[in-house]
Amino acid sequence: MTSSCALEQVKPITEILDDEPLFDDEDLRFFSWISRYCIYPLGKTLAELIPTGSEKKDYLWVLPLPVPAGLALSKSQEKLLDFLHSWPQGIALAQLVKNTELKNAATIVHGLHLAGLLQIVERQKKPLAVRTQKIIRLETILPDDLQMTARQEAVVDFLKNSGPMDLHDLIASAKTSSAIIKKLLEKGVLTIGNAEFIRKASLTSSISRAPVNIILNDEQEKALTEILSRLRSESFCPILLHGVTGSGKTEVYLNAITHVIKNGGTAIYLVPEIALTPQLISRIAGRFDENKIAVIHSGIARSVRYDQWRQIKRGKINLVIGARSALFAPLGNLKLIIVDEEHDTSYKQDDKLCYHARDLAVVKAKMQKAVVVLGSATSTSADLTPSWSVPTVAIISDAPIALSP
């Protein structure tokens, strides 16, 4: 993106829609490739891939107007206007059409609008609001004549050890009250300010699993060595990790991810939607810093997906776990993409923007000179375009020395 343009006449910028960019140049290059390959308009491609909640959508709002007495109307028009007048502040056109249950409701609305019997205005659905929290901080320099009660001193001592904290968390953790916090604020001991609250997906499972030292068998070690060798070369390479369920592919993945993160890189771990269980997420999260992990799949709330996307773009995340949509996360310094059970049909999207996440994972890895590992017991990777080269094959046949699934 540049600040100048060679064109003599361009339209003025009337509004900045986003406070921060959603993608960088590398991401836009990838999305543009998808648009061309899938023969789908770039604008619609971006609309499919941007995080839910960040986009601004226009919609039509219908407002009632006074109806002249004695005006001849059809039964359908009367029914629609009667319904509309029960909403004096107006109603969204889509909701109006749905709730009146008239087959030609949209046409009736258009006719009544032309007749001046109702008003239609365009509104904009704003993105999800950024959630904030009240943060309490301890002043660095305290008044010389400061006098505090024992309970006030306890709060100060607590903050000295914990650092700045959310107001509600402080009250609960320090076993204090809002009245005591208020007194300390009045005395100039504490300050209060707003900070963004990041909504996160749960990474823990109700089924706990004690950490174990898993010893890789010879075939796992061989497969891991091959992956690490390719990672050290810092060049694009697709690798097919062939092994039946329970053969220990996951442990190879996790060891490879550990290597990437320790060396300052980032990774994407794709799994089929049905396999993205709380137990699997908890197992993976237990190996890494939970504050730097993002989980992306359809079951997560819109607000959480929105916040996670922004954290990824800010460079706060080094591991993204999820279903096919996780592939589009704007991770910087991407070194490794894992597509577990790459033969699974859930990696295909068959409506609107049609794509196969496995194929796009290979393309993304090639663009960013990363390693892509395709794990499967019944590989379909022979379908890959020959220009993407034949993957290196590592076979795992024996079960690892570890807990059974």
Protein backbone atom coordinates (compact mmCIF):
# COMPACT_ATOMS: atom_id res chain seq x y z
CA MET A 1 0.00 0.00 0.00
CA THR A 2 1.31 3.47 -0.89
CA SER A 3 0.38 7.00 0.14
CA SER A 4 0.47 8.38 -3.41
CA CYS A 5 -1.33 7.57 -6.66
CA ALA A 6 -0.33 8.15 -10.29
CA LEU A 7 -3.92 8.81 -11.35
CA GLU A 8 -4.90 12.44 -11.89
CA GLN A 9 -8.46 12.11 -10.62
CA VAL A 10 -9.36 9.89 -7.70
CA LYS A 11 -12.29 9.92 -5.32
CA PRO A 12 -11.64 11.43 -1.89
CA ILE A 13 -11.38 9.26 1.21
CA THR A 14 -14.46 10.00 3.30
CA GLU A 15 -13.96 7.57 6.16
CA ILE A 16 -11.38 5.16 7.57
CA LEU A 17 -13.34 1.97 8.12
CA ASP A 18 -10.81 0.10 10.27
CA ASP A 19 -8.51 1.39 13.00
CA GLU A 20 -5.88 -1.18 12.04
CA PRO A 21 -5.22 -3.15 8.84
CA LEU A 22 -6.86 -6.54 8.61
CA PHE A 23 -4.15 -8.07 6.41
CA ASP A 24 -0.60 -7.31 5.37
CA ASP A 25 0.73 -7.35 1.80
CA GLU A 26 1.62 -11.06 2.05
CA ASP A 27 -1.93 -11.96 3.07
CA LEU A 28 -3.42 -9.85 0.28
CA ARG A 29 -1.20 -11.61 -2.25
CA PHE A 30 -2.52 -14.95 -0.98
CA PHE A 31 -6.14 -13.82 -1.04
CA SER A 32 -5.71 -12.39 -4.55
CA TRP A 33 -4.36 -15.76 -5.70
CA ILE A 34 -7.40 -17.50 -4.19
CA SER A 35 -9.70 -15.06 -5.99
CA ARG A 36 -8.10 -15.82 -9.36
CA TYR A 37 -7.80 -19.57 -8.83
CA CYS A 38 -11.38 -19.99 -7.58
CA ILE A 39 -12.73 -17.52 -10.18
CA TYR A 40 -14.42 -15.50 -7.46
CA PRO A 41 -14.41 -11.67 -7.21
CA LEU A 42 -11.69 -10.33 -4.93
CA GLY A 43 -14.15 -8.21 -2.94
CA LYS A 44 -16.37 -11.20 -2.24
CA THR A 45 -13.32 -13.34 -1.49
CA LEU A 46 -12.19 -10.89 1.17
CA ALA A 47 -15.74 -10.72 2.55
CA GLU A 48 -15.63 -14.50 3.00
CA LEU A 49 -12.24 -14.49 4.70
CA ILE A 50 -12.22 -11.41 6.94
CA PRO A 51 -13.12 -12.02 10.59
CA THR A 52 -16.81 -11.96 11.38
CA GLY A 53 -17.63 -8.74 13.14
CA SER A 54 -15.00 -6.50 11.61
CA GLU A 55 -16.88 -5.74 8.42
CA LYS A 56 -19.48 -2.99 8.13
CA LYS A 57 -22.67 -4.02 6.32
CA ASP A 58 -25.39 -1.80 4.90
CA TYR A 59 -29.03 -2.76 5.38
CA LEU A 60 -32.43 -1.19 4.72
CA TRP A 61 -34.61 0.16 7.53
CA VAL A 62 -38.36 0.68 7.00
CA LEU A 63 -40.22 3.44 8.87
CA PRO A 64 -44.03 3.92 9.01
CA LEU A 65 -45.62 7.11 7.67
CA PRO A 66 -49.17 8.44 8.20
CA VAL A 67 -51.73 6.85 5.87
CA PRO A 68 -54.41 9.23 4.49
CA ALA A 69 -57.94 8.35 5.59
CA GLY A 70 -60.08 6.57 3.02
CA LEU A 71 -57.13 5.53 0.86
CA ALA A 72 -57.92 2.39 -1.14
CA LEU A 73 -55.43 -0.39 -0.35
CA SER A 74 -55.24 -4.08 -1.15
CA LYS A 75 -55.53 -6.62 1.66
CA SER A 76 -51.80 -7.39 1.38
CA GLN A 77 -50.90 -3.71 1.62
CA GLU A 78 -53.21 -3.26 4.63
CA LYS A 79 -51.69 -6.28 6.37
CA LEU A 80 -48.15 -5.05 5.80
CA LEU A 81 -48.90 -1.49 6.94
CA ASP A 82 -50.76 -2.72 10.03
CA PHE A 83 -47.71 -4.78 10.96
CA LEU A 84 -45.33 -1.89 10.24
CA HIS A 85 -47.27 0.54 12.44
CA SER A 86 -46.74 -1.82 15.37
CA TRP A 87 -43.06 -0.83 15.01
CA PRO A 88 -43.17 2.99 15.35
CA GLN A 89 -39.36 3.21 15.45
CA GLY A 90 -39.07 1.12 12.29
CA ILE A 91 -37.86 -2.37 11.45
CA ALA A 92 -35.22 -3.91 9.21
CA LEU A 93 -36.57 -4.74 5.75
CA ALA A 94 -35.39 -8.35 5.95
CA GLN A 95 -37.17 -8.83 9.27
CA LEU A 96 -40.32 -7.13 7.95
CA VAL A 97 -40.46 -9.40 4.91
CA LYS A 98 -39.92 -12.49 7.05
CA ASN A 99 -42.44 -11.67 9.78
CA THR A 100 -45.34 -10.59 7.56
CA GLU A 101 -45.21 -13.97 5.77
CA LEU A 102 -46.41 -12.40 2.51
CA LYS A 103 -45.01 -14.08 -0.58
CA ASN A 104 -44.43 -10.79 -2.39
CA ALA A 105 -43.69 -8.67 0.69
CA ALA A 106 -40.60 -7.00 -0.82
CA THR A 107 -42.59 -5.93 -3.90
CA ILE A 108 -45.40 -4.56 -1.71
CA VAL A 109 -42.88 -2.58 0.36
CA HIS A 110 -41.38 -1.11 -2.80
CA GLY A 111 -44.83 -0.07 -4.08
CA LEU A 112 -45.83 1.52 -0.77
CA HIS A 113 -42.51 3.37 -0.71
CA LEU A 114 -43.16 4.84 -4.17
CA ALA A 115 -46.65 5.85 -2.99
CA GLY A 116 -45.17 7.71 0.00
CA LEU A 117 -46.83 5.47 2.56
CA LEU A 118 -43.60 4.32 4.19
CA GLN A 119 -39.99 5.43 4.32
CA ILE A 120 -36.90 3.35 3.50
CA VAL A 121 -33.51 4.49 4.79
CA GLU A 122 -30.08 2.90 4.51
CA ARG A 123 -28.31 2.05 7.72
CA GLN A 124 -24.96 0.53 8.50
CA LYS A 125 -24.36 -2.39 10.82
CA LYS A 126 -21.27 -1.49 12.77
CA PRO A 127 -18.60 -4.02 13.72
CA LEU A 128 -18.53 -5.67 17.09
CA ALA A 129 -17.55 -3.23 19.80
CA VAL A 130 -14.14 -3.45 21.39
CA ARG A 131 -14.70 -4.54 24.97
CA THR A 132 -12.89 -2.61 27.68
CA GLN A 133 -12.11 -3.25 31.33
CA LYS A 134 -11.19 -1.05 34.30
CA ILE A 135 -7.52 -1.49 35.21
CA ILE A 136 -6.23 -0.51 38.66
CA ARG A 137 -2.60 0.56 38.96
CA LEU A 138 -0.47 1.45 41.95
CA GLU A 139 1.09 4.91 41.83
CA THR A 140 4.89 4.81 41.66
CA ILE A 141 5.29 7.69 44.10
CA LEU A 142 3.04 7.68 47.17
CA PRO A 143 2.19 10.77 49.28
CA ASP A 144 4.58 11.38 52.23
CA ASP A 145 1.77 11.92 54.74
CA LEU A 146 -0.11 8.83 53.61
CA GLN A 147 -2.15 7.05 56.25
CA MET A 148 -3.91 3.79 55.46
CA THR A 149 -5.97 1.23 57.27
CA ALA A 150 -4.82 -2.37 57.51
CA ARG A 151 -7.23 -3.42 54.73
CA GLN A 152 -6.01 -0.62 52.48
CA GLU A 153 -2.38 -1.63 53.10
CA ALA A 154 -3.30 -5.20 52.17
CA VAL A 155 -4.57 -4.02 48.76
CA VAL A 156 -1.39 -1.99 48.17
CA ASP A 157 0.82 -4.97 49.09
CA PHE A 158 -1.22 -7.20 46.80
CA LEU A 159 -0.77 -4.85 43.82
CA LYS A 160 2.97 -4.55 44.50
CA ASN A 161 3.24 -8.29 43.88
CA SER A 162 0.65 -8.69 41.12
CA GLY A 163 1.04 -5.51 39.11
CA PRO A 164 -1.89 -3.73 37.36
CA MET A 165 -5.13 -5.70 37.54
CA ASP A 166 -8.72 -5.63 36.40
CA LEU A 167 -10.96 -3.97 39.00
CA HIS A 168 -13.26 -6.97 39.45
CA ASP A 169 -10.35 -9.43 39.55
CA LEU A 170 -8.60 -7.28 42.15
CA ILE A 171 -11.65 -7.18 44.41
CA ALA A 172 -12.01 -10.96 44.17
CA SER A 173 -8.31 -11.88 44.43
CA ALA A 174 -7.38 -9.41 47.18
CA LYS A 175 -10.61 -10.15 49.05
CA THR A 176 -11.41 -6.47 49.31
CA SER A 177 -14.33 -4.19 48.41
CA SER A 178 -15.10 -1.44 45.92
CA ALA A 179 -15.36 1.03 48.84
CA ILE A 180 -11.75 0.40 49.84
CA ILE A 181 -10.59 0.76 46.24
CA LYS A 182 -12.51 4.05 46.01
CA LYS A 183 -10.80 5.39 49.15
CA LEU A 184 -7.35 4.50 47.78
CA LEU A 185 -8.20 6.26 44.52
CA GLU A 186 -9.24 9.38 46.44
CA LYS A 187 -5.96 9.31 48.40
CA GLY A 188 -3.94 9.15 45.18
CA VAL A 189 -2.53 5.72 45.98
CA LEU A 190 -4.20 4.05 43.01
CA THR A 191 -5.14 5.14 39.50
CA ILE A 192 -7.84 3.70 37.26
CA GLY A 193 -7.95 3.55 33.49
CA ASN A 194 -9.51 1.69 30.58
CA ALA A 195 -7.78 -1.12 28.71
CA GLU A 196 -8.98 -3.45 25.98
CA PHE A 197 -10.36 -6.75 27.17
CA ILE A 198 -9.53 -9.62 24.81
CA ARG A 199 -12.24 -12.26 24.58
CA LYS A 200 -10.71 -15.73 24.30
CA ALA A 201 -11.83 -19.26 23.59
CA SER A 202 -11.47 -21.79 26.38
CA LEU A 203 -8.37 -23.93 25.99
CA THR A 204 -9.02 -26.29 28.88
CA SER A 205 -11.03 -29.48 29.03
CA SER A 206 -13.11 -30.90 31.86
CA ILE A 207 -11.19 -34.13 31.26
CA SER A 208 -7.77 -33.37 32.70
CA ARG A 209 -4.70 -35.22 31.59
CA ALA A 210 -1.51 -35.33 33.61
CA PRO A 211 1.57 -34.32 31.63
CA VAL A 212 3.69 -37.24 30.50
CA ASN A 213 7.13 -37.62 29.03
CA ILE A 214 6.46 -39.17 25.66
CA ILE A 215 9.35 -41.08 24.15
CA LEU A 216 9.28 -41.04 20.37
CA ASN A 217 9.88 -44.33 18.63
CA ASP A 218 12.38 -44.71 15.79
CA GLU A 219 9.88 -43.96 13.02
CA GLN A 220 8.58 -40.88 14.83
CA GLU A 221 12.14 -39.67 15.35
CA LYS A 222 12.90 -40.23 11.67
CA ALA A 223 9.78 -38.30 10.61
CA LEU A 224 10.55 -35.46 13.03
CA THR A 225 14.16 -35.28 11.85
CA GLU A 226 12.96 -34.94 8.26
CA ILE A 227 10.57 -32.12 9.18
CA LEU A 228 13.17 -30.27 11.28
CA SER A 229 15.70 -30.57 8.47
CA ARG A 230 13.28 -28.90 6.08
CA LEU A 231 12.44 -26.22 8.65
CA ARG A 232 16.12 -25.37 9.09
CA SER A 233 16.51 -24.92 5.34
CA GLU A 234 13.89 -22.13 5.52
CA SER A 235 12.47 -23.09 2.15
CA PHE A 236 9.12 -24.35 0.92
CA CYS A 237 8.59 -28.08 1.26
CA PRO A 238 5.44 -30.24 1.40
CA ILE A 239 5.77 -33.38 3.53
CA LEU A 240 3.33 -36.27 3.65
CA LEU A 241 3.27 -37.85 7.11
CA HIS A 242 1.63 -41.20 6.57
CA GLY A 243 0.39 -43.10 9.61
CA VAL A 244 -2.75 -44.80 10.88
CA THR A 245 -4.86 -43.35 13.69
CA GLY A 246 -3.04 -43.73 17.00
CA SER A 247 0.36 -44.14 15.37
CA GLY A 248 1.70 -40.98 16.97
CA LYS A 249 1.46 -38.33 14.26
CA THR A 250 0.20 -35.75 16.76
CA GLU A 251 3.34 -36.06 18.88
CA VAL A 252 5.47 -35.44 15.79
CA TYR A 253 3.37 -32.35 15.02
CA LEU A 254 3.76 -30.97 18.55
CA ASN A 255 7.52 -31.49 18.57
CA ALA A 256 7.82 -29.70 15.23
CA ILE A 257 5.68 -26.81 16.51
CA THR A 258 7.86 -26.59 19.63
CA HIS A 259 10.95 -26.21 17.43
CA VAL A 260 9.29 -23.48 15.36
CA ILE A 261 8.12 -21.44 18.35
CA LYS A 262 11.47 -21.74 20.17
CA ASN A 263 13.11 -20.26 17.09
CA GLY A 264 10.74 -17.30 16.89
CA GLY A 265 8.42 -18.62 14.18
CA THR A 266 4.68 -19.24 14.08
CA ALA A 267 2.56 -22.23 13.08
CA ILE A 268 -0.94 -23.16 11.92
CA TYR A 269 -2.39 -26.51 13.00
CA LEU A 270 -5.48 -27.53 10.99
CA VAL A 271 -7.68 -30.42 12.04
CA PRO A 272 -11.07 -31.60 10.72
CA GLU A 273 -14.00 -29.88 12.45
CA ILE A 274 -15.21 -33.14 14.01
CA ALA A 275 -11.76 -33.82 15.50
CA LEU A 276 -11.45 -30.36 17.08
CA THR A 277 -12.51 -31.57 20.53
CA PRO A 278 -11.90 -29.84 23.88
CA GLN A 279 -9.62 -32.73 24.82
CA LEU A 280 -7.40 -32.20 21.76
CA ILE A 281 -7.28 -28.42 22.26
CA SER A 282 -6.44 -28.89 25.95
CA ARG A 283 -3.69 -31.37 25.09
CA ILE A 284 -2.11 -28.97 22.61
CA ALA A 285 -2.53 -25.90 24.81
CA GLY A 286 -0.83 -27.72 27.69
CA ARG A 287 2.40 -27.83 25.71
CA PHE A 288 2.59 -24.12 24.90
CA ASP A 289 1.88 -20.65 26.29
CA GLU A 290 -1.92 -20.38 26.37
CA ASN A 291 -1.74 -16.60 26.01
CA LYS A 292 -0.16 -17.04 22.57
CA ILE A 293 -2.61 -19.62 21.21
CA ALA A 294 -5.73 -18.84 19.16
CA VAL A 295 -8.49 -21.31 18.34
CA ILE A 296 -10.63 -20.68 15.26
CA HIS A 297 -13.68 -22.73 14.29
CA SER A 298 -17.41 -22.28 13.66
CA GLY A 299 -18.43 -23.06 17.25
CA ILE A 300 -16.68 -20.02 18.71
CA ALA A 301 -18.67 -16.84 19.38
CA ARG A 302 -18.37 -14.02 16.83
CA SER A 303 -16.93 -11.66 19.42
CA VAL A 304 -14.20 -14.16 20.35
CA ARG A 305 -13.25 -14.79 16.70
CA TYR A 306 -13.11 -11.03 16.15
CA ASP A 307 -10.77 -10.42 19.09
CA GLN A 308 -8.57 -13.39 18.27
CA TRP A 309 -8.10 -12.24 14.68
CA ARG A 310 -6.94 -8.82 15.88
CA GLN A 311 -4.53 -10.40 18.35
CA ILE A 312 -3.08 -12.57 15.57
CA LYS A 313 -2.62 -9.54 13.32
CA ARG A 314 -0.88 -7.67 16.16
CA GLY A 315 1.71 -10.46 16.50
CA LYS A 316 0.49 -11.59 19.93
CA ILE A 317 -0.17 -15.17 18.76
CA ASN A 318 2.36 -17.78 17.62
CA LEU A 319 0.10 -20.83 17.22
CA VAL A 320 -3.32 -20.99 15.55
CA ILE A 321 -5.38 -24.16 15.95
CA GLY A 322 -8.59 -24.72 14.09
CA ALA A 323 -10.68 -25.99 11.21
CA ARG A 324 -10.24 -24.89 7.59
CA SER A 325 -10.90 -21.18 8.23
CA ALA A 326 -7.87 -21.03 10.56
CA LEU A 327 -5.67 -21.20 7.46
CA PHE A 328 -6.47 -17.57 6.66
CA ALA A 329 -5.25 -16.22 10.01
CA PRO A 330 -2.79 -13.34 9.37
CA LEU A 331 0.18 -14.88 11.19
CA GLY A 332 3.52 -13.22 10.64
CA ASN A 333 6.79 -15.16 10.23
CA LEU A 334 4.87 -18.34 9.37
CA LYS A 335 7.19 -21.35 9.28
CA LEU A 336 4.94 -24.41 9.58
CA ILE A 337 1.45 -25.45 8.47
CA ILE A 338 0.05 -28.80 9.58
CA VAL A 339 -3.01 -30.32 7.91
CA ASP A 340 -3.99 -33.33 9.99
CA GLU A 341 -6.16 -35.98 8.30
CA GLU A 342 -5.71 -34.09 5.03
CA HIS A 343 -8.05 -36.51 3.24
CA ASP A 344 -11.04 -35.38 5.35
CA THR A 345 -13.87 -33.89 3.28
CA SER A 346 -14.54 -31.13 5.85
CA TYR A 347 -11.53 -29.26 4.44
CA LYS A 348 -13.65 -28.54 1.35
CA GLN A 349 -15.99 -25.55 1.16
CA ASP A 350 -18.63 -26.08 -1.50
CA ASP A 351 -20.69 -22.87 -1.38
CA LYS A 352 -19.88 -19.29 -2.41
CA LEU A 353 -16.07 -19.31 -2.32
CA CYS A 354 -15.32 -22.95 -3.17
CA TYR A 355 -11.90 -24.17 -2.08
CA HIS A 356 -9.99 -27.06 -0.53
CA ALA A 357 -8.04 -25.97 2.56
CA ARG A 358 -5.40 -28.64 1.99
CA ASP A 359 -4.57 -27.28 -1.46
CA LEU A 360 -4.57 -23.68 -0.23
CA ALA A 361 -2.30 -24.67 2.67
CA VAL A 362 0.27 -25.85 0.13
CA VAL A 363 -0.05 -22.58 -1.80
CA LYS A 364 0.29 -20.46 1.35
CA ALA A 365 3.35 -22.42 2.45
CA LYS A 366 4.94 -21.95 -0.96
CA MET A 367 4.30 -18.20 -0.91
CA GLN A 368 5.80 -17.82 2.57
CA LYS A 369 8.62 -20.37 2.12
CA ALA A 370 7.23 -22.52 4.90
CA VAL A 371 6.97 -26.25 5.49
CA VAL A 372 3.54 -27.85 5.12
CA VAL A 373 2.94 -31.27 6.69
CA LEU A 374 0.00 -33.29 5.36
CA GLY A 375 -0.90 -36.02 7.82
CA SER A 376 -3.08 -38.95 6.82
CA ALA A 377 -3.68 -42.66 7.00
CA THR A 378 -5.34 -42.70 3.56
CA SER A 379 -3.63 -39.91 1.68
CA THR A 380 -5.22 -38.14 -1.27
CA SER A 381 -2.17 -35.98 -1.86
CA ALA A 382 -1.58 -37.63 -5.21
CA ASP A 383 -4.29 -35.26 -6.45
CA LEU A 384 -2.02 -32.28 -5.85
CA THR A 385 -0.98 -30.34 -8.93
CA PRO A 386 2.38 -31.68 -10.19
CA SER A 387 3.87 -28.18 -10.16
CA TRP A 388 3.65 -28.26 -6.37
CA SER A 389 6.22 -31.12 -6.39
CA VAL A 390 5.90 -34.58 -4.88
CA PRO A 391 5.79 -34.47 -1.07
CA THR A 392 8.49 -36.14 0.98
CA VAL A 393 6.91 -39.21 2.57
CA ALA A 394 7.48 -40.32 6.16
CA ILE A 395 5.69 -43.45 7.35
CA ILE A 396 4.76 -44.16 10.96
CA SER A 397 3.50 -47.66 11.58
CA ASP A 398 4.23 -48.45 15.23
CA ALA A 399 2.35 -46.96 18.14
CA PRO A 400 4.37 -44.53 20.29
CA ILE A 401 5.26 -45.02 23.94
CA ALA A 402 2.54 -42.79 25.35
CA LEU A 403 -0.96 -42.72 26.77
CA SER A 404 -3.58 -44.30 24.57
CA PRO A 405 -6.15 -41.87 23.14
